[in-house]
Protein backbone atom coordinates (compact mmCIF):
# COMPACT_ATOMS: atom_id res chain seq x y z
CA MET A 1 21.85 12.72 8.56
CA SER A 2 22.73 10.91 5.21
CA GLU A 3 22.76 12.94 2.06
CA ILE A 4 21.04 10.32 -0.06
CA LEU A 5 18.09 12.81 -0.56
CA GLY A 6 20.51 15.75 -0.49
CA VAL A 7 19.04 17.15 2.80
CA SER A 8 21.18 18.56 5.49
CA SER A 9 18.48 20.03 7.76
CA PRO A 10 14.85 21.42 7.41
CA SER A 11 15.99 24.72 8.49
CA LYS A 12 18.29 25.10 5.56
CA GLY A 13 15.59 24.29 3.14
CA VAL A 14 15.22 21.16 0.99
CA SER A 15 17.19 19.76 -1.90
CA ALA A 16 16.23 19.84 -5.47
CA GLN A 17 15.61 16.06 -5.27
CA VAL A 18 13.13 16.47 -2.43
CA GLN A 19 11.41 19.29 -4.21
CA ARG A 20 11.16 16.93 -7.30
CA VAL A 21 9.58 14.23 -5.04
CA LEU A 22 7.06 16.74 -3.62
CA GLY A 23 6.29 18.11 -7.13
CA THR A 24 5.83 14.49 -8.46
CA LEU A 25 3.32 13.67 -5.71
CA GLU A 26 1.36 16.79 -6.34
CA SER A 27 0.97 15.73 -9.99
CA PHE A 28 0.02 12.22 -9.05
CA ALA A 29 -2.51 13.56 -6.50
CA VAL A 30 -4.14 15.64 -9.40
CA LEU A 31 -4.29 12.50 -11.64
CA LEU A 32 -6.18 10.60 -8.92
CA GLN A 33 -8.41 13.47 -8.04
CA GLU A 34 -9.34 13.61 -11.65
CA ARG A 35 -10.44 9.93 -11.34
CA GLY A 36 -12.72 10.97 -8.44
CA HIS A 37 -10.46 10.09 -5.48
CA ASN A 38 -10.00 12.60 -2.65
CA VAL A 39 -6.22 12.35 -2.35
CA LYS A 40 -3.69 14.85 -0.96
CA PRO A 41 0.01 14.78 -1.85
CA TYR A 42 1.48 15.64 1.58
CA THR A 43 1.11 17.63 4.78
CA GLU A 44 3.59 19.59 6.80
CA ARG A 45 3.98 16.52 9.19
CA SER A 46 4.71 14.14 6.28
CA VAL A 47 7.39 16.46 4.87
CA THR A 48 9.06 16.77 8.26
CA LYS A 49 9.01 13.03 8.47
CA LEU A 50 10.66 12.76 5.04
CA LEU A 51 13.41 15.29 6.07
CA SER A 52 14.17 13.30 9.26
CA LEU A 53 14.56 9.81 7.64
CA SER A 54 17.64 7.92 8.55
CA ALA A 55 19.95 6.58 5.65
CA ALA A 56 18.34 3.11 5.85
CA GLU A 57 14.79 4.61 5.86
CA GLN A 58 15.74 6.81 2.92
CA VAL A 59 16.68 3.75 0.94
CA ARG A 60 13.33 2.16 1.65
CA PHE A 61 11.57 5.42 0.85
CA LEU A 62 13.25 5.70 -2.58
CA ALA A 63 12.36 2.13 -3.42
CA ARG A 64 8.68 2.81 -2.55
CA PHE A 65 8.83 6.07 -4.52
CA GLU A 66 10.30 4.38 -7.66
CA TYR A 67 7.63 1.69 -7.66
CA PHE A 68 4.87 4.28 -7.11
CA SER A 69 6.25 6.57 -9.83
CA VAL A 70 6.41 3.80 -12.39
CA LEU A 71 2.80 2.78 -11.77
CA MET A 72 1.34 6.29 -11.65
CA MET A 73 2.59 6.78 -15.18
CA ASP A 74 -0.35 4.58 -16.33
CA VAL A 75 -3.13 6.30 -14.36
CA LYS A 76 -4.47 8.35 -17.25
CA THR A 77 -4.71 5.43 -19.59
CA THR A 78 -5.86 2.93 -17.01
CA GLY A 79 -9.41 1.67 -16.93
CA ASP A 80 -10.71 -0.27 -14.00
CA ASP A 81 -8.79 -1.81 -11.09
CA LYS A 82 -8.32 -5.19 -12.85
CA TYR A 83 -6.66 -3.45 -15.73
CA PHE A 84 -4.56 -1.31 -13.47
CA LEU A 85 -3.29 -4.55 -11.80
CA LYS A 86 -2.51 -6.18 -15.12
CA MET A 87 -0.49 -3.09 -16.09
CA CYS A 88 1.28 -3.13 -12.77
CA ALA A 89 2.26 -6.87 -13.27
CA ASP A 90 3.50 -6.17 -16.88
CA ARG A 91 5.47 -3.11 -15.83
CA LEU A 92 7.20 -4.78 -12.78
CA GLY A 93 7.38 -8.35 -14.42
CA LEU A 94 5.25 -10.00 -11.84
CA ILE A 95 3.77 -13.34 -12.08
CA PHE A 96 0.81 -14.57 -9.99
CA ASP A 97 -2.24 -16.92 -10.42
CA LYS A 98 -4.53 -15.27 -12.96
CA THR A 99 -7.51 -16.42 -10.96
CA ALA A 100 -6.79 -13.41 -8.75
CA TYR A 101 -8.55 -11.23 -11.47
CA ASP A 102 -11.67 -13.41 -11.06
CA GLU A 103 -11.62 -12.88 -7.29
CA ILE A 104 -11.78 -8.99 -7.45
CA ARG A 105 -15.16 -7.49 -6.81
CA PRO A 106 -16.34 -3.85 -6.53
CA GLY A 107 -15.17 -2.41 -3.26
CA ASP A 108 -12.19 -4.82 -2.99
CA VAL A 109 -8.74 -3.45 -1.97
CA ILE A 110 -5.82 -4.94 -3.78
CA GLU A 111 -2.31 -4.64 -2.47
CA ILE A 112 0.98 -6.21 -3.52
CA TYR A 113 3.94 -6.30 -1.06
CA ASN A 114 7.46 -7.34 -1.71
CA THR A 115 9.44 -9.72 0.67
CA ASP A 116 10.53 -6.62 2.75
CA LEU A 117 6.76 -5.91 3.17
CA ILE A 118 7.08 -2.64 1.15
CA GLN A 119 3.85 -1.97 -0.56
CA VAL A 120 4.53 -1.73 -4.29
CA PHE A 121 0.85 -1.65 -5.57
CA ARG A 122 -2.45 -0.32 -4.36
CA ASN A 123 -5.45 -0.15 -6.50
CA PHE A 124 -7.76 2.77 -6.97
CA GLU A 125 -10.28 1.49 -4.40
CA PHE A 126 -7.56 1.80 -1.72
CA PHE A 127 -7.69 5.49 -1.93
CA ASP A 128 -11.37 5.54 -1.14
CA VAL A 129 -10.82 3.87 2.20
CA CYS A 130 -7.70 5.74 3.17
CA SER A 131 -7.22 9.41 4.25
CA TYR A 132 -3.47 9.42 4.51
CA THR A 133 -1.51 11.56 2.04
CA LEU A 134 0.61 10.08 -0.61
CA LEU A 135 3.76 11.09 1.25
CA ASP A 136 2.42 9.47 4.52
CA LEU A 137 2.03 6.18 2.62
CA LEU A 138 5.56 6.34 1.27
CA THR A 139 7.43 7.34 4.58
CA ASN A 140 5.71 5.05 7.04
CA GLU A 141 5.50 1.31 7.57
CA PHE A 142 2.07 -0.20 7.79
CA TYR A 143 2.22 -0.66 11.54
CA GLU A 144 3.04 3.08 11.91
CA LEU A 145 -0.13 3.93 9.88
CA TYR A 146 -2.74 1.52 11.14
CA GLU A 147 -3.90 -0.48 14.22
CA ARG A 148 -5.71 -3.65 14.16
CA GLY A 149 -5.86 -6.75 16.37
CA GLN A 150 -3.09 -9.25 17.15
CA LEU A 151 -5.25 -12.11 16.10
CA ILE A 152 -5.52 -10.70 12.53
CA ASN A 153 -1.76 -9.84 12.44
CA GLN A 154 -0.87 -13.34 13.48
CA GLY A 155 -3.09 -14.88 10.79
CA LEU A 156 -1.44 -12.63 8.19
CA PHE A 157 2.11 -13.52 9.24
CA SER A 158 1.08 -17.24 9.26
CA ALA A 159 0.02 -16.86 5.66
CA ILE A 160 3.22 -14.93 4.69
CA THR A 161 5.38 -17.64 6.26
CA ALA A 162 3.44 -20.35 4.47
CA LEU A 163 3.90 -18.66 1.03
CA SER A 164 7.52 -17.65 1.49
CA THR A 165 8.89 -21.04 2.79
CA ARG A 166 7.13 -23.40 0.33
CA PRO A 167 8.45 -24.51 -2.95
CA TYR A 168 7.17 -22.72 -6.17
CA ASN A 169 3.45 -22.88 -6.00
CA MET A 170 0.86 -20.41 -7.46
CA GLU A 171 -1.92 -21.43 -5.25
CA ALA A 172 -3.44 -18.69 -2.95
CA VAL A 173 -3.84 -18.98 0.80
CA ASP A 174 -7.47 -18.55 1.87
CA LEU A 175 -7.82 -15.82 4.59
CA MET A 176 -11.56 -16.03 4.93
CA ASN A 177 -11.08 -17.80 8.20
CA LEU A 178 -9.72 -14.43 9.64
CA PRO A 179 -12.70 -12.61 11.12
CA GLN A 180 -14.15 -9.31 9.85
CA HIS A 181 -12.29 -6.66 11.81
CA LEU A 182 -11.65 -2.97 12.38
CA LEU A 183 -8.70 -1.14 10.84
CA GLN A 184 -7.94 2.20 12.48
CA GLU A 185 -5.78 5.04 11.01
CA LYS A 186 -3.45 6.25 13.67
CA PHE A 187 -2.50 9.85 13.00
CA SER A 188 -4.33 10.97 9.70
CA VAL A 189 -6.57 14.10 9.88
CA ASP A 190 -9.73 12.12 9.36
CA GLN A 191 -8.74 9.11 11.49
CA LEU A 192 -10.80 6.83 9.29
CA ARG A 193 -12.00 3.44 10.62
CA SER A 194 -12.74 0.70 8.11
CA LEU A 195 -14.34 -2.64 8.43
CA VAL A 196 -12.13 -5.18 6.57
CA GLN A 197 -12.65 -8.74 5.52
CA PHE A 198 -9.51 -10.52 4.05
CA LYS A 199 -10.26 -12.85 1.15
CA LYS A 200 -7.08 -14.32 -0.31
CA MET A 201 -3.30 -13.95 -0.36
CA TYR A 202 -1.48 -14.93 -3.59
CA PRO A 203 2.16 -15.64 -4.00
CA VAL A 204 3.94 -13.37 -6.50
CA TYR A 205 7.05 -14.30 -8.52
CA THR A 206 9.36 -12.93 -11.13
CA TRP A 207 10.69 -14.97 -13.94
CA PRO A 208 11.60 -17.87 -13.81
CA GLN A 209 10.49 -18.84 -10.26
CA ASN A 210 11.96 -16.20 -8.05
CA PHE A 211 9.80 -15.31 -5.04
CA PHE A 212 8.87 -11.67 -5.03
CA GLY A 213 6.18 -11.20 -2.45
CA TYR A 214 2.33 -11.18 -1.91
CA LEU A 215 -0.82 -10.14 -3.53
CA VAL A 216 -3.68 -9.49 -0.99
CA VAL A 217 -7.31 -9.29 -1.88
CA GLN A 218 -9.57 -7.80 0.82
CA HIS A 219 -12.94 -6.02 1.04
CA GLY A 220 -12.86 -2.67 2.86
CA GLU A 221 -15.64 -0.19 3.87
CA VAL A 222 -15.18 3.08 5.74
CA LEU A 223 -17.35 3.26 8.89
CA LYS A 224 -19.03 6.38 9.95
CA GLU A 225 -19.84 4.91 13.29
CA LEU A 226 -18.93 1.80 15.17
CA PRO A 227 -21.08 -1.22 14.49
CA LYS A 228 -23.23 -2.45 17.50
CA GLU A 229 -21.59 -5.94 17.55
CA THR A 230 -18.10 -6.06 19.10
CA LEU A 231 -15.58 -6.08 16.36
CA ALA A 232 -12.84 -4.07 17.92
CA PHE A 233 -9.34 -5.14 17.82
CA ILE A 234 -9.66 -8.76 18.35
């Protein structure tokens, strides 16, 4: 495999850079645990996945890791989710409609994706509805981590297309027309299922008017048992 991460094979051990990555994730997990979030840095499975990445996948991993590392630097000094989002925007030079801050309510999950659909920001609330390790999140695409219905995916991609193809415009796309639905973790230890309601998707830019990606506001709630009504993967 490629030597971007300096790894020849798991049997020969890992490089100093991989050890640094794992050590950094351990430190970040402690910071999040101190804030009351039950977060684990990695599992044997996720480390194996890291060591098996192709050259292209390593590039994407390192991009995710770079973004994540920059934002985690602020965890100790960050207050609530809104302040964390503001610090993220300032650090990464991101511009979006400031009404997004007014949209955020307790229990809301906030995510920012770039145009390659790499998640560059997740708020603290995210970690309360997710049982994947930090390394799982950084080495897998969203579709590898979760299962949900085609109707929901089609609605999301329609919103993504609308935002990415229109001229500069800060206005959000309303996602409340998408039904409440189940989101299932595919291979985590806990196999969490969440009930999700999307709210809005905001376009994100960098100065002056360069399209960067998408800010998604949604409400998520972990389910201990399936609801009586049929919500499954519609």
